[in-house]
Amino acid sequence: MIKEAIAILAEGQSLDQETMSLVMEEIMSGEATQSQISAVLMGLRVKGETIDEITACAKVMRAKATRIKAPAEAIDTCGTGGDHSLTFNISTASAFVVAGLGIPVAKHGNRAASSTCGSADVLSELGVNIEAGVSVVEKCLEKVGIGFLFAPLLHSAMKYAIVPRREMGVRTIFNLLGPLSNPAQTRYQLLGVYDKRWVRPLAEVLKNLGSLRAMVVHGVDGLDEITITSQTNVAELREGEIREYTLEPEQLGLPRSLLSEIRGGSPGYNAELIWEVLSGASGARTDIVLLNAGAGIYIAGKAKSIQEGIELARESIKSGKALEKLHNLITLSHQEE
């Protein structure tokens, strides 16, 4: 099937869901050659990946992943990465703030690809055992209310595409698939994307995948987060409907800041920043964590608005609950299976 698919893509045509599923099955079962994988990825990239193609690939990735049992109300706060903004790990910090309110968080992530510090890098620096086994991760979700799902351990079939992706050196459909393929199959999600053109399409994909509530966001400043430096484009999925709108930090009660104020650096430096934010420091870094955590709390249905979510996020930090979640995750993640 993959040869036929390459011929279709070579003509600039799109693949239907059934064909794309068969192609993805071949790739992730090791039946496709590296040249064929590269040809498919480039063919999709050049013509532009469709909602059907992304949906089909995400379904195969989910089916191939090692499944993690998580509470039905669990949420993921995850971005595509690749925004080249060099900010600290905002969605990772936000995850602990959300968890501090009793909302289970199945945080899916990886080491850095294009940035200096991915979620796995900073969590490892913080002392979390990112390579904990399935039963330990599930125990963390159950007992602590937050668990880290390390993509390479849970998506073993991804190994077949590693070399073509690395040698191509450009973004491919796999950059979009990471946040769509959480092994816990969370039905609530805050998803940041590196380009505005993916905001609406990925909301459509999440709808196709059975998400109940989700927000796909992209900051006008380029961030794959809800930003405090400028406007944010949003596509919100709720009750089967998708609504598009924009957010400004001022309308949510937060001051506008400069990108330089939320910059990060090495895993060690970013870990320090997360400790500071969760310990109650004030400033732009805390503001952007409050904003994104507030949106996550809203998506999880624990707040009627993002503004209300922000106030609950403040309380999560002020009460020490957010920091407690980090301490507890560090401890439990090192327990033996």
Protein backbone atom coordinates (compact mmCIF):
# COMPACT_ATOMS: atom_id res chain seq x y z
CA MET A 1 0.00 0.00 0.00
CA ILE A 2 2.81 2.43 0.77
CA LYS A 3 4.03 2.50 -2.85
CA GLU A 4 0.53 3.33 -4.07
CA ALA A 5 0.26 6.03 -1.42
CA ILE A 6 3.57 7.58 -2.49
CA ALA A 7 2.30 7.70 -6.08
CA ILE A 8 -0.85 9.52 -4.93
CA LEU A 9 1.16 11.98 -2.83
CA ALA A 10 3.57 12.57 -5.73
CA GLU A 11 0.60 13.98 -7.66
CA GLY A 12 -0.16 16.37 -4.82
CA GLN A 13 -3.31 14.50 -3.83
CA SER A 14 -4.44 13.63 -0.31
CA LEU A 15 -4.95 10.17 1.17
CA ASP A 16 -8.28 9.05 2.58
CA GLN A 17 -8.42 7.81 6.18
CA GLU A 18 -8.38 4.12 5.24
CA THR A 19 -5.31 4.46 3.01
CA MET A 20 -3.48 6.64 5.52
CA SER A 21 -4.23 4.11 8.27
CA LEU A 22 -2.77 1.26 6.22
CA VAL A 23 0.33 3.31 5.42
CA MET A 24 0.83 4.24 9.07
CA GLU A 25 0.42 0.59 10.04
CA GLU A 26 3.20 -0.34 7.61
CA ILE A 27 5.47 2.40 8.97
CA MET A 28 4.88 1.50 12.62
CA SER A 29 5.21 -2.24 12.14
CA GLY A 30 8.62 -1.95 10.48
CA GLU A 31 7.42 -3.04 7.04
CA ALA A 32 8.28 0.25 5.28
CA THR A 33 11.82 1.14 4.25
CA GLN A 34 13.40 4.35 5.47
CA SER A 35 13.25 5.78 1.95
CA GLN A 36 9.54 5.02 1.77
CA ILE A 37 8.91 6.61 5.16
CA SER A 38 10.80 9.74 4.08
CA ALA A 39 8.83 9.89 0.82
CA VAL A 40 5.49 9.68 2.63
CA LEU A 41 6.46 12.28 5.22
CA MET A 42 7.72 14.72 2.59
CA GLY A 43 4.72 14.12 0.33
CA LEU A 44 2.36 14.95 3.20
CA ARG A 45 4.43 17.97 4.22
CA VAL A 46 4.63 19.50 0.73
CA LYS A 47 0.91 19.29 -0.04
CA GLY A 48 -0.13 19.96 3.57
CA GLU A 49 -1.49 17.33 5.96
CA THR A 50 -5.30 17.04 6.07
CA ILE A 51 -7.59 16.50 9.06
CA ASP A 52 -8.37 12.97 7.79
CA GLU A 53 -4.69 12.10 7.41
CA ILE A 54 -3.78 13.38 10.88
CA THR A 55 -6.80 11.63 12.43
CA ALA A 56 -5.90 8.31 10.79
CA CYS A 57 -2.27 8.49 11.92
CA ALA A 58 -3.23 9.45 15.47
CA LYS A 59 -5.62 6.50 15.72
CA VAL A 60 -2.87 4.08 14.65
CA MET A 61 -0.38 5.63 17.07
CA ARG A 62 -2.88 5.34 19.92
CA ALA A 63 -3.59 1.72 19.05
CA LYS A 64 0.13 0.86 18.92
CA ALA A 65 0.99 2.65 22.18
CA THR A 66 1.36 0.91 25.53
CA ARG A 67 -1.92 1.83 27.22
CA ILE A 68 -1.89 3.70 30.52
CA LYS A 69 -4.97 3.49 32.76
CA ALA A 70 -5.96 6.95 33.95
CA PRO A 71 -9.04 8.44 35.64
CA ALA A 72 -11.81 9.27 33.17
CA GLU A 73 -11.56 12.98 34.01
CA ALA A 74 -7.79 13.18 33.40
CA ILE A 75 -6.43 16.06 31.32
CA ASP A 76 -3.23 16.52 29.32
CA THR A 77 -1.42 19.85 29.01
CA CYS A 78 0.88 19.31 26.09
CA GLY A 79 2.17 21.25 23.11
CA THR A 80 3.71 20.37 19.78
CA GLY A 81 6.88 22.21 20.74
CA GLY A 82 8.97 23.52 17.89
CA ASP A 83 8.00 27.17 18.41
CA HIS A 84 11.70 28.16 18.79
CA SER A 85 10.73 30.67 21.49
CA LEU A 86 13.23 29.42 24.12
CA THR A 87 10.67 29.89 26.91
CA PHE A 88 10.78 27.78 30.07
CA ASN A 89 8.53 24.73 30.39
CA ILE A 90 5.20 26.49 30.86
CA SER A 91 2.81 23.57 30.26
CA THR A 92 4.87 21.35 32.59
CA ALA A 93 4.66 23.89 35.42
CA SER A 94 0.95 24.38 34.68
CA ALA A 95 0.35 20.63 35.02
CA PHE A 96 1.27 20.71 38.73
CA VAL A 97 -0.95 23.73 39.34
CA VAL A 98 -3.90 21.94 37.71
CA ALA A 99 -3.16 18.76 39.67
CA GLY A 100 -3.06 20.79 42.88
CA LEU A 101 -6.82 21.26 42.53
CA GLY A 102 -7.50 17.54 42.43
CA ILE A 103 -7.72 17.32 38.64
CA PRO A 104 -5.82 14.23 37.40
CA VAL A 105 -3.10 15.13 34.88
CA ALA A 106 -1.62 12.57 32.48
CA LYS A 107 1.34 14.62 31.22
CA HIS A 108 2.61 13.21 27.95
CA GLY A 109 6.02 14.39 26.81
CA ASN A 110 9.51 13.81 25.52
CA ARG A 111 13.02 15.17 25.58
CA ALA A 112 13.80 18.31 23.59
CA ALA A 113 13.76 18.05 19.82
CA SER A 114 14.28 21.62 18.61
CA SER A 115 14.44 23.46 21.96
CA THR A 116 17.07 23.24 24.69
CA CYS A 117 14.73 21.66 27.22
CA GLY A 118 11.71 19.39 26.75
CA SER A 119 9.26 18.35 29.47
CA ALA A 120 11.19 15.12 30.09
CA ASP A 121 14.46 17.03 30.44
CA VAL A 122 13.14 19.44 33.05
CA LEU A 123 11.20 16.81 35.00
CA SER A 124 14.31 14.64 35.17
CA GLU A 125 16.24 17.65 36.45
CA LEU A 126 13.54 18.24 39.06
CA GLY A 127 14.07 14.69 40.32
CA VAL A 128 11.15 12.86 38.68
CA ASN A 129 11.90 9.36 37.39
CA ILE A 130 10.79 9.88 33.80
CA GLU A 131 11.47 6.23 32.91
CA ALA A 132 9.15 4.75 35.52
CA GLY A 133 7.32 1.61 34.42
CA VAL A 134 3.66 1.42 33.47
CA SER A 135 2.43 0.27 36.90
CA VAL A 136 4.37 3.06 38.64
CA VAL A 137 2.97 5.71 36.28
CA GLU A 138 -0.54 4.38 36.87
CA LYS A 139 0.07 4.45 40.62
CA CYS A 140 1.27 8.07 40.36
CA LEU A 141 -1.93 8.97 38.52
CA GLU A 142 -4.05 7.19 41.13
CA LYS A 143 -2.26 8.24 44.32
CA VAL A 144 -0.67 11.60 43.43
CA GLY A 145 -3.07 12.77 40.74
CA ILE A 146 -0.34 13.41 38.19
CA GLY A 147 1.86 11.09 36.15
CA PHE A 148 4.47 11.57 33.43
CA LEU A 149 4.03 9.48 30.30
CA PHE A 150 7.44 9.35 28.60
CA ALA A 151 6.76 9.01 24.88
CA PRO A 152 9.77 6.83 23.84
CA LEU A 153 8.89 4.18 26.44
CA LEU A 154 5.22 4.04 25.52
CA HIS A 155 5.47 4.47 21.74
CA SER A 156 8.03 1.80 20.91
CA ALA A 157 6.77 1.54 17.31
CA MET A 158 7.97 5.10 16.73
CA LYS A 159 11.53 3.75 16.48
CA TYR A 160 11.03 2.95 12.81
CA ALA A 161 10.60 6.63 11.92
CA ILE A 162 13.41 8.06 14.05
CA VAL A 163 16.17 7.98 11.41
CA PRO A 164 14.10 9.39 8.51
CA ARG A 165 12.79 12.20 10.73
CA ARG A 166 16.25 13.09 11.98
CA GLU A 167 17.84 12.96 8.53
CA MET A 168 15.05 15.04 6.95
CA GLY A 169 15.52 17.79 9.52
CA VAL A 170 12.14 19.46 8.86
CA ARG A 171 8.80 19.35 10.64
CA THR A 172 6.62 16.44 9.60
CA ILE A 173 3.23 15.05 10.56
CA PHE A 174 4.92 13.43 13.58
CA ASN A 175 5.40 16.88 15.13
CA LEU A 176 1.61 17.17 15.25
CA LEU A 177 0.96 13.58 16.34
CA GLY A 178 2.78 13.67 19.70
CA PRO A 179 0.11 15.64 21.60
CA LEU A 180 -2.65 13.66 19.84
CA SER A 181 -1.38 10.25 20.90
CA ASN A 182 -1.40 10.30 24.71
CA PRO A 183 -1.28 6.64 25.83
CA ALA A 184 -3.84 7.47 28.53
CA GLN A 185 -6.19 8.68 25.77
CA THR A 186 -7.28 11.66 27.85
CA ARG A 187 -10.58 13.19 26.76
CA TYR A 188 -9.74 16.65 28.09
CA GLN A 189 -6.82 18.54 26.62
CA LEU A 190 -5.05 21.89 26.40
CA LEU A 191 -2.93 21.66 23.26
CA GLY A 192 -0.51 24.32 22.04
CA VAL A 193 0.60 24.39 18.40
CA TYR A 194 3.62 26.00 16.73
CA ASP A 195 1.66 27.56 13.86
CA LYS A 196 -1.70 29.34 13.70
CA ARG A 197 -2.77 27.28 10.68
CA TRP A 198 -3.09 24.18 12.88
CA VAL A 199 -5.38 25.68 15.52
CA ARG A 200 -8.74 24.80 13.93
CA PRO A 201 -7.63 21.56 12.18
CA LEU A 202 -6.24 19.99 15.36
CA ALA A 203 -9.45 20.86 17.21
CA GLU A 204 -11.28 18.96 14.46
CA VAL A 205 -8.87 16.03 14.88
CA LEU A 206 -9.45 15.96 18.65
CA LYS A 207 -13.18 15.90 17.98
CA ASN A 208 -12.67 12.95 15.62
CA LEU A 209 -10.63 11.18 18.31
CA GLY A 210 -13.42 11.47 20.87
CA SER A 211 -12.24 14.37 23.03
CA LEU A 212 -15.02 15.82 25.18
CA ARG A 213 -13.49 19.24 25.84
CA ALA A 214 -10.31 20.75 24.48
CA MET A 215 -8.59 23.98 23.58
CA VAL A 216 -6.03 24.29 20.80
CA VAL A 217 -4.00 27.47 21.13
CA HIS A 218 -1.29 29.50 19.41
CA GLY A 219 0.15 32.82 20.53
CA VAL A 220 0.58 35.56 17.94
CA ASP A 221 4.12 35.89 19.33
CA GLY A 222 4.75 32.32 18.13
CA LEU A 223 4.27 30.47 21.43
CA ASP A 224 2.62 27.05 21.53
CA GLU A 225 0.93 28.25 24.73
CA ILE A 226 -1.65 30.86 25.73
CA THR A 227 0.65 33.86 25.82
CA ILE A 228 0.89 36.96 27.99
CA THR A 229 2.93 38.98 25.48
CA SER A 230 0.21 39.35 22.83
CA GLN A 231 -3.00 37.85 21.48
CA THR A 232 -3.71 34.10 21.45
CA ASN A 233 -5.73 32.30 18.78
CA VAL A 234 -8.03 29.63 20.23
CA ALA A 235 -10.24 26.84 18.91
CA GLU A 236 -12.34 25.42 21.74
CA LEU A 237 -14.10 22.07 21.46
CA ARG A 238 -17.11 21.74 23.72
CA GLU A 239 -20.15 19.48 23.43
CA GLY A 240 -19.21 18.52 19.88
CA GLU A 241 -18.98 22.12 18.66
CA ILE A 242 -15.83 24.10 17.86
CA ARG A 243 -15.72 27.81 18.59
CA GLU A 244 -12.87 30.07 17.49
CA TYR A 245 -11.88 33.25 19.31
CA THR A 246 -8.91 35.26 20.55
CA LEU A 247 -7.67 35.98 24.06
CA GLU A 248 -5.78 39.00 25.38
CA PRO A 249 -3.94 38.86 28.73
CA GLU A 250 -5.60 42.09 29.91
CA GLN A 251 -9.12 40.71 29.44
CA LEU A 252 -8.14 37.89 31.79
CA GLY A 253 -6.80 40.26 34.43
CA LEU A 254 -3.10 39.73 33.74
CA PRO A 255 -0.54 42.37 32.70
CA ARG A 256 1.08 42.12 29.28
CA SER A 257 4.74 41.10 29.48
CA LEU A 258 7.79 40.83 27.23
CA LEU A 259 8.92 37.54 25.71
CA SER A 260 12.30 38.06 27.39
CA GLU A 261 10.56 37.85 30.79
CA ILE A 262 9.43 34.26 30.19
CA ARG A 263 12.60 32.95 28.59
CA GLY A 264 14.16 29.77 29.88
CA GLY A 265 17.44 28.02 29.24
CA SER A 266 19.08 24.77 30.28
CA PRO A 267 17.13 21.99 32.04
CA GLY A 268 18.77 23.02 35.33
CA TYR A 269 17.77 26.65 34.91
CA ASN A 270 14.23 25.78 33.87
CA ALA A 271 13.89 23.47 36.87
CA GLU A 272 14.86 26.36 39.15
CA LEU A 273 12.21 28.54 37.51
CA ILE A 274 9.52 25.91 38.06
CA TRP A 275 10.49 25.55 41.73
CA GLU A 276 10.21 29.34 42.07
CA VAL A 277 6.81 29.55 40.37
CA LEU A 278 5.34 26.67 42.39
CA SER A 279 6.82 28.16 45.57
CA GLY A 280 4.84 31.37 45.08
CA ALA A 281 7.18 33.77 43.26
CA SER A 282 5.47 36.66 41.46
CA GLY A 283 6.13 37.99 37.98
CA ALA A 284 5.61 37.20 34.31
CA ARG A 285 6.61 33.54 34.57
CA THR A 286 4.03 32.90 37.25
CA ASP A 287 1.44 34.89 35.30
CA ILE A 288 1.80 32.74 32.17
CA VAL A 289 1.62 29.56 34.26
CA LEU A 290 -1.54 30.86 35.96
CA LEU A 291 -3.05 31.67 32.57
CA ASN A 292 -2.40 28.24 31.08
CA ALA A 293 -3.32 26.39 34.26
CA GLY A 294 -6.50 28.47 34.42
CA ALA A 295 -7.41 27.36 30.91
CA GLY A 296 -6.72 23.74 31.85
CA ILE A 297 -8.92 24.03 34.94
CA TYR A 298 -11.68 25.51 32.75
CA ILE A 299 -11.35 22.72 30.16
CA ALA A 300 -11.51 20.13 32.96
CA GLY A 301 -14.88 21.61 33.96
CA LYS A 302 -13.75 22.83 37.38
CA ALA A 303 -14.26 26.51 36.50
CA LYS A 304 -16.98 28.31 34.55
CA SER A 305 -14.44 30.56 32.79
CA ILE A 306 -10.71 30.93 32.27
CA GLN A 307 -10.77 33.92 34.64
CA GLU A 308 -12.25 31.75 37.40
CA GLY A 309 -9.70 29.08 36.52
CA ILE A 310 -6.87 31.61 37.01
CA GLU A 311 -8.12 32.43 40.51
CA LEU A 312 -8.29 28.73 41.37
CA ALA A 313 -4.77 28.32 39.97
CA ARG A 314 -3.56 31.10 42.29
CA GLU A 315 -5.03 29.21 45.22
CA SER A 316 -3.36 25.97 44.10
CA ILE A 317 0.03 27.69 44.35
CA LYS A 318 -0.73 29.79 47.44
CA SER A 319 -1.97 26.77 49.40
CA GLY A 320 1.17 24.81 48.59
CA LYS A 321 -0.87 22.08 46.87
CA ALA A 322 0.86 22.52 43.48
CA LEU A 323 4.33 22.19 45.01
CA GLU A 324 3.16 19.23 47.08
CA LYS A 325 2.14 17.44 43.87
CA LEU A 326 5.69 17.85 42.53
CA HIS A 327 7.25 16.52 45.75
CA ASN A 328 4.88 13.55 45.80
CA LEU A 329 5.48 12.73 42.13
CA ILE A 330 9.24 12.78 42.68
CA THR A 331 8.90 10.35 45.60
CA LEU A 332 6.40 7.92 44.11
CA SER A 333 7.99 7.82 40.64
CA HIS A 334 11.10 6.23 42.17
CA GLN A 335 9.23 3.36 43.81
CA GLU A 336 9.82 -0.09 42.38
CA GLU A 337 7.13 -1.81 40.35
